Amino acid sequence: ERNRVFMLQKRLIRLIYDVKPKTSHKNTFIKNRILTFPSIYIYKLCMFVNANRHENYFLPLGDNHTYSTRNSQVLTVPVYFTAKYERSPLYNCVKAFNALPSDIRKIKNK
């Protein structure tokens, strides 16, 4: 389903900007400052985590102890028992947020 949406997005870009079918769309996305569908998904996941960091869903590793460690701001990955959970938005939120550089993770939601 995700690939289908991404292909539809590329088709719309091709129609709007008159890009030939065999041409790469990457430059068109960059030049027109358009996020791809996967990029929008990752952006929304990270924004959700940032807005809800105070909830019990997203706990930093530093909450487990009082030691000052370099990974104290990394969020704990929820424990799961099935592989299906790895495809859930809650799991992907934490993984995407932890993949951000630490300077970006430190930005607080206004």
N, C-alpha and C. Protein backbone atom coordinates (compact mmCIF):
# COMPACT_ATOMS: atom_id res chain seq x y z
N GLU A 1 0.82 -1.19 0.00
CA GLU A 1 0.00 0.00 0.00
C GLU A 1 0.87 1.27 0.00
N ARG A 2 1.96 1.24 0.79
CA ARG A 2 2.84 2.41 0.84
C ARG A 2 3.50 2.67 -0.51
N ASN A 3 3.93 1.61 -1.17
CA ASN A 3 4.56 1.78 -2.48
C ASN A 3 3.58 2.35 -3.50
N ARG A 4 2.33 1.95 -3.37
CA ARG A 4 1.32 2.44 -4.29
C ARG A 4 1.14 3.96 -4.14
N VAL A 5 1.11 4.43 -2.90
CA VAL A 5 0.96 5.86 -2.65
C VAL A 5 2.19 6.62 -3.18
N PHE A 6 3.38 6.06 -2.96
CA PHE A 6 4.60 6.69 -3.45
C PHE A 6 4.60 6.75 -4.98
N MET A 7 4.14 5.70 -5.63
CA MET A 7 4.09 5.69 -7.09
C MET A 7 3.07 6.72 -7.60
N LEU A 8 1.95 6.87 -6.90
CA LEU A 8 0.98 7.89 -7.28
C LEU A 8 1.56 9.29 -7.10
N GLN A 9 2.33 9.48 -6.06
CA GLN A 9 2.98 10.77 -5.84
C GLN A 9 3.95 11.07 -6.98
N LYS A 10 4.72 10.08 -7.39
CA LYS A 10 5.65 10.28 -8.49
C LYS A 10 4.91 10.57 -9.80
N ARG A 11 3.78 9.92 -9.99
CA ARG A 11 2.99 10.15 -11.20
C ARG A 11 2.47 11.59 -11.23
N LEU A 12 2.01 12.08 -10.08
CA LEU A 12 1.54 13.46 -10.00
C LEU A 12 2.68 14.45 -10.26
N ILE A 13 3.84 14.18 -9.73
CA ILE A 13 5.00 15.05 -9.98
C ILE A 13 5.34 15.05 -11.47
N ARG A 14 5.24 13.89 -12.08
CA ARG A 14 5.52 13.79 -13.51
C ARG A 14 4.53 14.64 -14.31
N LEU A 15 3.25 14.62 -13.92
CA LEU A 15 2.24 15.40 -14.63
C LEU A 15 2.40 16.90 -14.38
N ILE A 16 2.63 17.28 -13.15
CA ILE A 16 2.70 18.70 -12.80
C ILE A 16 3.95 19.36 -13.38
N TYR A 17 5.09 18.70 -13.28
CA TYR A 17 6.36 19.31 -13.69
C TYR A 17 6.86 18.81 -15.04
N ASP A 18 6.04 18.06 -15.74
CA ASP A 18 6.35 17.57 -17.08
C ASP A 18 7.70 16.84 -17.14
N VAL A 19 7.84 15.85 -16.25
CA VAL A 19 9.05 15.04 -16.18
C VAL A 19 8.83 13.79 -17.01
N LYS A 20 9.82 13.40 -17.78
CA LYS A 20 9.70 12.21 -18.61
C LYS A 20 9.65 10.95 -17.73
N PRO A 21 8.94 9.92 -18.16
CA PRO A 21 8.75 8.72 -17.33
C PRO A 21 10.04 8.03 -16.89
N LYS A 22 11.04 7.98 -17.72
CA LYS A 22 12.28 7.26 -17.39
C LYS A 22 13.28 8.12 -16.61
N THR A 23 12.96 9.38 -16.40
CA THR A 23 13.85 10.30 -15.70
C THR A 23 13.70 10.14 -14.19
N SER A 24 14.81 10.33 -13.48
CA SER A 24 14.77 10.28 -12.02
C SER A 24 13.99 11.48 -11.48
N HIS A 25 13.18 11.22 -10.47
CA HIS A 25 12.36 12.27 -9.88
C HIS A 25 13.05 12.96 -8.70
N LYS A 26 14.19 12.44 -8.30
CA LYS A 26 14.87 12.95 -7.11
C LYS A 26 15.17 14.45 -7.23
N ASN A 27 15.73 14.87 -8.35
CA ASN A 27 16.07 16.28 -8.54
C ASN A 27 14.82 17.16 -8.54
N THR A 28 13.72 16.65 -9.08
CA THR A 28 12.47 17.41 -9.11
C THR A 28 11.95 17.63 -7.69
N PHE A 29 12.02 16.59 -6.86
CA PHE A 29 11.60 16.73 -5.47
C PHE A 29 12.48 17.75 -4.74
N ILE A 30 13.78 17.69 -4.95
CA ILE A 30 14.70 18.59 -4.26
C ILE A 30 14.52 20.02 -4.75
N LYS A 31 14.47 20.21 -6.06
CA LYS A 31 14.38 21.55 -6.63
C LYS A 31 13.10 22.26 -6.21
N ASN A 32 12.01 21.53 -6.09
CA ASN A 32 10.72 22.12 -5.74
C ASN A 32 10.39 22.00 -4.25
N ARG A 33 11.37 21.51 -3.49
CA ARG A 33 11.24 21.39 -2.03
C ARG A 33 9.99 20.61 -1.63
N ILE A 34 9.84 19.44 -2.24
CA ILE A 34 8.71 18.55 -1.96
C ILE A 34 9.24 17.33 -1.22
N LEU A 35 8.60 16.97 -0.12
CA LEU A 35 8.97 15.76 0.60
C LEU A 35 8.33 14.56 -0.07
N THR A 36 9.08 13.47 -0.15
CA THR A 36 8.51 12.24 -0.67
C THR A 36 7.58 11.64 0.37
N PHE A 37 6.74 10.71 -0.04
CA PHE A 37 5.80 10.10 0.89
C PHE A 37 6.51 9.45 2.08
N PRO A 38 7.58 8.65 1.86
CA PRO A 38 8.28 8.09 3.03
C PRO A 38 8.86 9.17 3.94
N SER A 39 9.34 10.26 3.37
CA SER A 39 9.89 11.35 4.18
C SER A 39 8.81 12.03 5.02
N ILE A 40 7.63 12.18 4.45
CA ILE A 40 6.51 12.76 5.20
C ILE A 40 6.13 11.85 6.36
N TYR A 41 6.12 10.55 6.13
CA TYR A 41 5.79 9.58 7.17
C TYR A 41 6.79 9.67 8.33
N ILE A 42 8.08 9.70 8.02
CA ILE A 42 9.11 9.79 9.06
C ILE A 42 9.01 11.13 9.79
N TYR A 43 8.77 12.20 9.05
CA TYR A 43 8.63 13.52 9.66
C TYR A 43 7.46 13.54 10.65
N LYS A 44 6.33 12.98 10.25
CA LYS A 44 5.15 12.95 11.12
C LYS A 44 5.39 12.08 12.35
N LEU A 45 6.10 10.96 12.19
CA LEU A 45 6.42 10.12 13.34
C LEU A 45 7.25 10.89 14.35
N CYS A 46 8.28 11.58 13.87
CA CYS A 46 9.16 12.34 14.77
C CYS A 46 8.43 13.50 15.42
N MET A 47 7.54 14.15 14.70
CA MET A 47 6.76 15.24 15.28
C MET A 47 5.82 14.72 16.36
N PHE A 48 5.26 13.54 16.16
CA PHE A 48 4.38 12.94 17.16
C PHE A 48 5.15 12.64 18.44
N VAL A 49 6.34 12.09 18.30
CA VAL A 49 7.16 11.79 19.48
C VAL A 49 7.52 13.09 20.19
N ASN A 50 7.93 14.09 19.45
CA ASN A 50 8.33 15.35 20.05
C ASN A 50 7.17 16.01 20.79
N ALA A 51 5.98 15.92 20.25
CA ALA A 51 4.81 16.53 20.89
C ALA A 51 4.34 15.75 22.11
N ASN A 52 4.64 14.45 22.17
CA ASN A 52 4.14 13.60 23.25
C ASN A 52 5.25 13.01 24.11
N ARG A 53 6.38 13.67 24.17
CA ARG A 53 7.50 13.14 24.95
C ARG A 53 7.21 13.06 26.44
N HIS A 54 6.33 13.89 26.93
CA HIS A 54 6.01 13.89 28.35
C HIS A 54 5.10 12.72 28.74
N GLU A 55 4.52 12.05 27.77
CA GLU A 55 3.64 10.90 28.05
C GLU A 55 4.49 9.70 28.47
N ASN A 56 3.85 8.69 28.99
CA ASN A 56 4.56 7.48 29.41
C ASN A 56 4.95 6.57 28.25
N TYR A 57 4.53 6.91 27.04
CA TYR A 57 4.90 6.09 25.88
C TYR A 57 6.39 6.18 25.58
N PHE A 58 6.95 7.36 25.73
CA PHE A 58 8.31 7.63 25.29
C PHE A 58 9.19 8.03 26.47
N LEU A 59 9.89 7.07 27.01
CA LEU A 59 10.76 7.31 28.16
C LEU A 59 12.22 7.27 27.73
N PRO A 60 13.02 8.27 28.11
CA PRO A 60 14.45 8.24 27.79
C PRO A 60 15.17 7.21 28.65
N LEU A 61 16.29 6.72 28.15
CA LEU A 61 17.08 5.74 28.91
C LEU A 61 17.57 6.32 30.23
N GLY A 62 17.77 7.63 30.29
CA GLY A 62 18.26 8.28 31.50
C GLY A 62 17.28 8.21 32.66
N ASP A 63 16.02 7.90 32.40
CA ASP A 63 15.03 7.79 33.48
C ASP A 63 15.20 6.51 34.29
N ASN A 64 15.97 5.55 33.77
CA ASN A 64 16.14 4.27 34.45
C ASN A 64 17.20 4.32 35.54
N HIS A 65 18.09 5.32 35.49
CA HIS A 65 19.18 5.42 36.47
C HIS A 65 19.61 6.88 36.60
N THR A 66 20.52 7.14 37.52
CA THR A 66 20.97 8.52 37.76
C THR A 66 22.34 8.81 37.16
N TYR A 67 22.91 7.87 36.45
CA TYR A 67 24.23 8.07 35.85
C TYR A 67 24.13 8.99 34.64
N SER A 68 25.17 9.79 34.43
CA SER A 68 25.22 10.66 33.26
C SER A 68 25.87 9.89 32.12
N THR A 69 25.09 9.49 31.15
CA THR A 69 25.61 8.74 30.00
C THR A 69 25.32 9.49 28.71
N ARG A 70 26.05 9.16 27.66
CA ARG A 70 25.85 9.86 26.39
C ARG A 70 24.53 9.49 25.72
N ASN A 71 23.96 8.35 26.07
CA ASN A 71 22.70 7.93 25.47
C ASN A 71 21.50 8.15 26.39
N SER A 72 21.63 9.07 27.32
CA SER A 72 20.55 9.28 28.27
C SER A 72 19.29 9.86 27.62
N GLN A 73 19.44 10.53 26.47
CA GLN A 73 18.28 11.11 25.80
C GLN A 73 17.67 10.19 24.74
N VAL A 74 18.29 9.04 24.51
CA VAL A 74 17.74 8.06 23.57
C VAL A 74 16.51 7.45 24.21
N LEU A 75 15.44 7.33 23.44
CA LEU A 75 14.21 6.77 23.97
C LEU A 75 14.29 5.25 24.04
N THR A 76 13.66 4.68 25.05
CA THR A 76 13.66 3.22 25.18
C THR A 76 12.72 2.64 24.14
N VAL A 77 13.18 1.59 23.49
CA VAL A 77 12.36 0.89 22.50
C VAL A 77 11.40 -0.01 23.26
N PRO A 78 10.10 0.08 22.96
CA PRO A 78 9.14 -0.75 23.68
C PRO A 78 9.42 -2.24 23.49
N VAL A 79 9.17 -3.00 24.55
CA VAL A 79 9.34 -4.45 24.49
C VAL A 79 8.16 -5.02 23.71
N TYR A 80 8.44 -5.95 22.83
CA TYR A 80 7.38 -6.55 22.04
C TYR A 80 7.59 -8.05 21.97
N PHE A 81 6.54 -8.76 21.65
CA PHE A 81 6.59 -10.22 21.62
C PHE A 81 6.30 -10.80 20.24
N THR A 82 5.88 -9.99 19.31
CA THR A 82 5.61 -10.48 17.95
C THR A 82 6.33 -9.59 16.94
N ALA A 83 6.64 -10.17 15.81
CA ALA A 83 7.30 -9.41 14.74
C ALA A 83 6.35 -8.39 14.12
N LYS A 84 5.06 -8.62 14.27
CA LYS A 84 4.07 -7.69 13.73
C LYS A 84 4.19 -6.32 14.41
N TYR A 85 4.59 -6.31 15.67
CA TYR A 85 4.73 -5.05 16.40
C TYR A 85 5.81 -4.15 15.81
N GLU A 86 6.81 -4.74 15.15
CA GLU A 86 7.87 -3.95 14.51
C GLU A 86 7.33 -3.07 13.40
N ARG A 87 6.18 -3.39 12.87
CA ARG A 87 5.57 -2.59 11.81
C ARG A 87 4.57 -1.57 12.35
N SER A 88 4.40 -1.54 13.67
CA SER A 88 3.42 -0.61 14.26
C SER A 88 3.98 0.81 14.30
N PRO A 89 3.11 1.80 14.23
CA PRO A 89 3.57 3.19 14.28
C PRO A 89 4.28 3.54 15.59
N LEU A 90 3.85 2.99 16.71
CA LEU A 90 4.47 3.32 17.99
C LEU A 90 5.93 2.87 18.02
N TYR A 91 6.20 1.68 17.54
CA TYR A 91 7.57 1.17 17.47
C TYR A 91 8.40 2.01 16.49
N ASN A 92 7.82 2.31 15.33
CA ASN A 92 8.53 3.08 14.32
C ASN A 92 8.78 4.52 14.76
N CYS A 93 7.90 5.06 15.59
CA CYS A 93 8.12 6.42 16.14
C CYS A 93 9.43 6.47 16.91
N VAL A 94 9.60 5.52 17.80
CA VAL A 94 10.80 5.51 18.65
C VAL A 94 12.05 5.27 17.80
N LYS A 95 11.99 4.34 16.88
CA LYS A 95 13.15 4.05 16.03
C LYS A 95 13.54 5.26 15.18
N ALA A 96 12.54 5.93 14.60
CA ALA A 96 12.83 7.10 13.76
C ALA A 96 13.38 8.25 14.60
N PHE A 97 12.82 8.47 15.77
CA PHE A 97 13.27 9.56 16.63
C PHE A 97 14.69 9.31 17.13
N ASN A 98 15.01 8.07 17.48
CA ASN A 98 16.36 7.74 17.94
C ASN A 98 17.39 7.85 16.83
N ALA A 99 16.96 7.76 15.58
CA ALA A 99 17.89 7.87 14.45
C ALA A 99 18.27 9.33 14.16
N LEU A 100 17.53 10.27 14.73
CA LEU A 100 17.84 11.69 14.52
C LEU A 100 19.14 12.05 15.24
N PRO A 101 19.87 13.04 14.74
CA PRO A 101 21.06 13.52 15.47
C PRO A 101 20.65 14.07 16.84
N SER A 102 21.55 13.98 17.79
CA SER A 102 21.22 14.37 19.17
C SER A 102 20.84 15.85 19.28
N ASP A 103 21.41 16.71 18.45
CA ASP A 103 21.06 18.13 18.50
C ASP A 103 19.59 18.36 18.15
N ILE A 104 19.10 17.59 17.21
CA ILE A 104 17.69 17.73 16.81
C ILE A 104 16.78 17.11 17.87
N ARG A 105 17.22 16.01 18.47
CA ARG A 105 16.40 15.37 19.51
C ARG A 105 16.22 16.26 20.73
N LYS A 106 17.18 17.15 20.99
CA LYS A 106 17.11 18.01 22.17
C LYS A 106 16.14 19.17 22.01
N ILE A 107 15.69 19.44 20.79
CA ILE A 107 14.77 20.55 20.56
C ILE A 107 13.44 20.23 21.22
N LYS A 108 12.96 21.16 22.01
CA LYS A 108 11.69 20.99 22.72
C LYS A 108 10.55 21.49 21.86
N ASN A 109 9.39 20.88 22.04
CA ASN A 109 8.18 21.30 21.35
C ASN A 109 7.66 22.59 21.97
N LYS A 110 7.29 23.56 21.15
CA LYS A 110 6.79 24.85 21.67
C LYS A 110 5.29 24.82 21.78
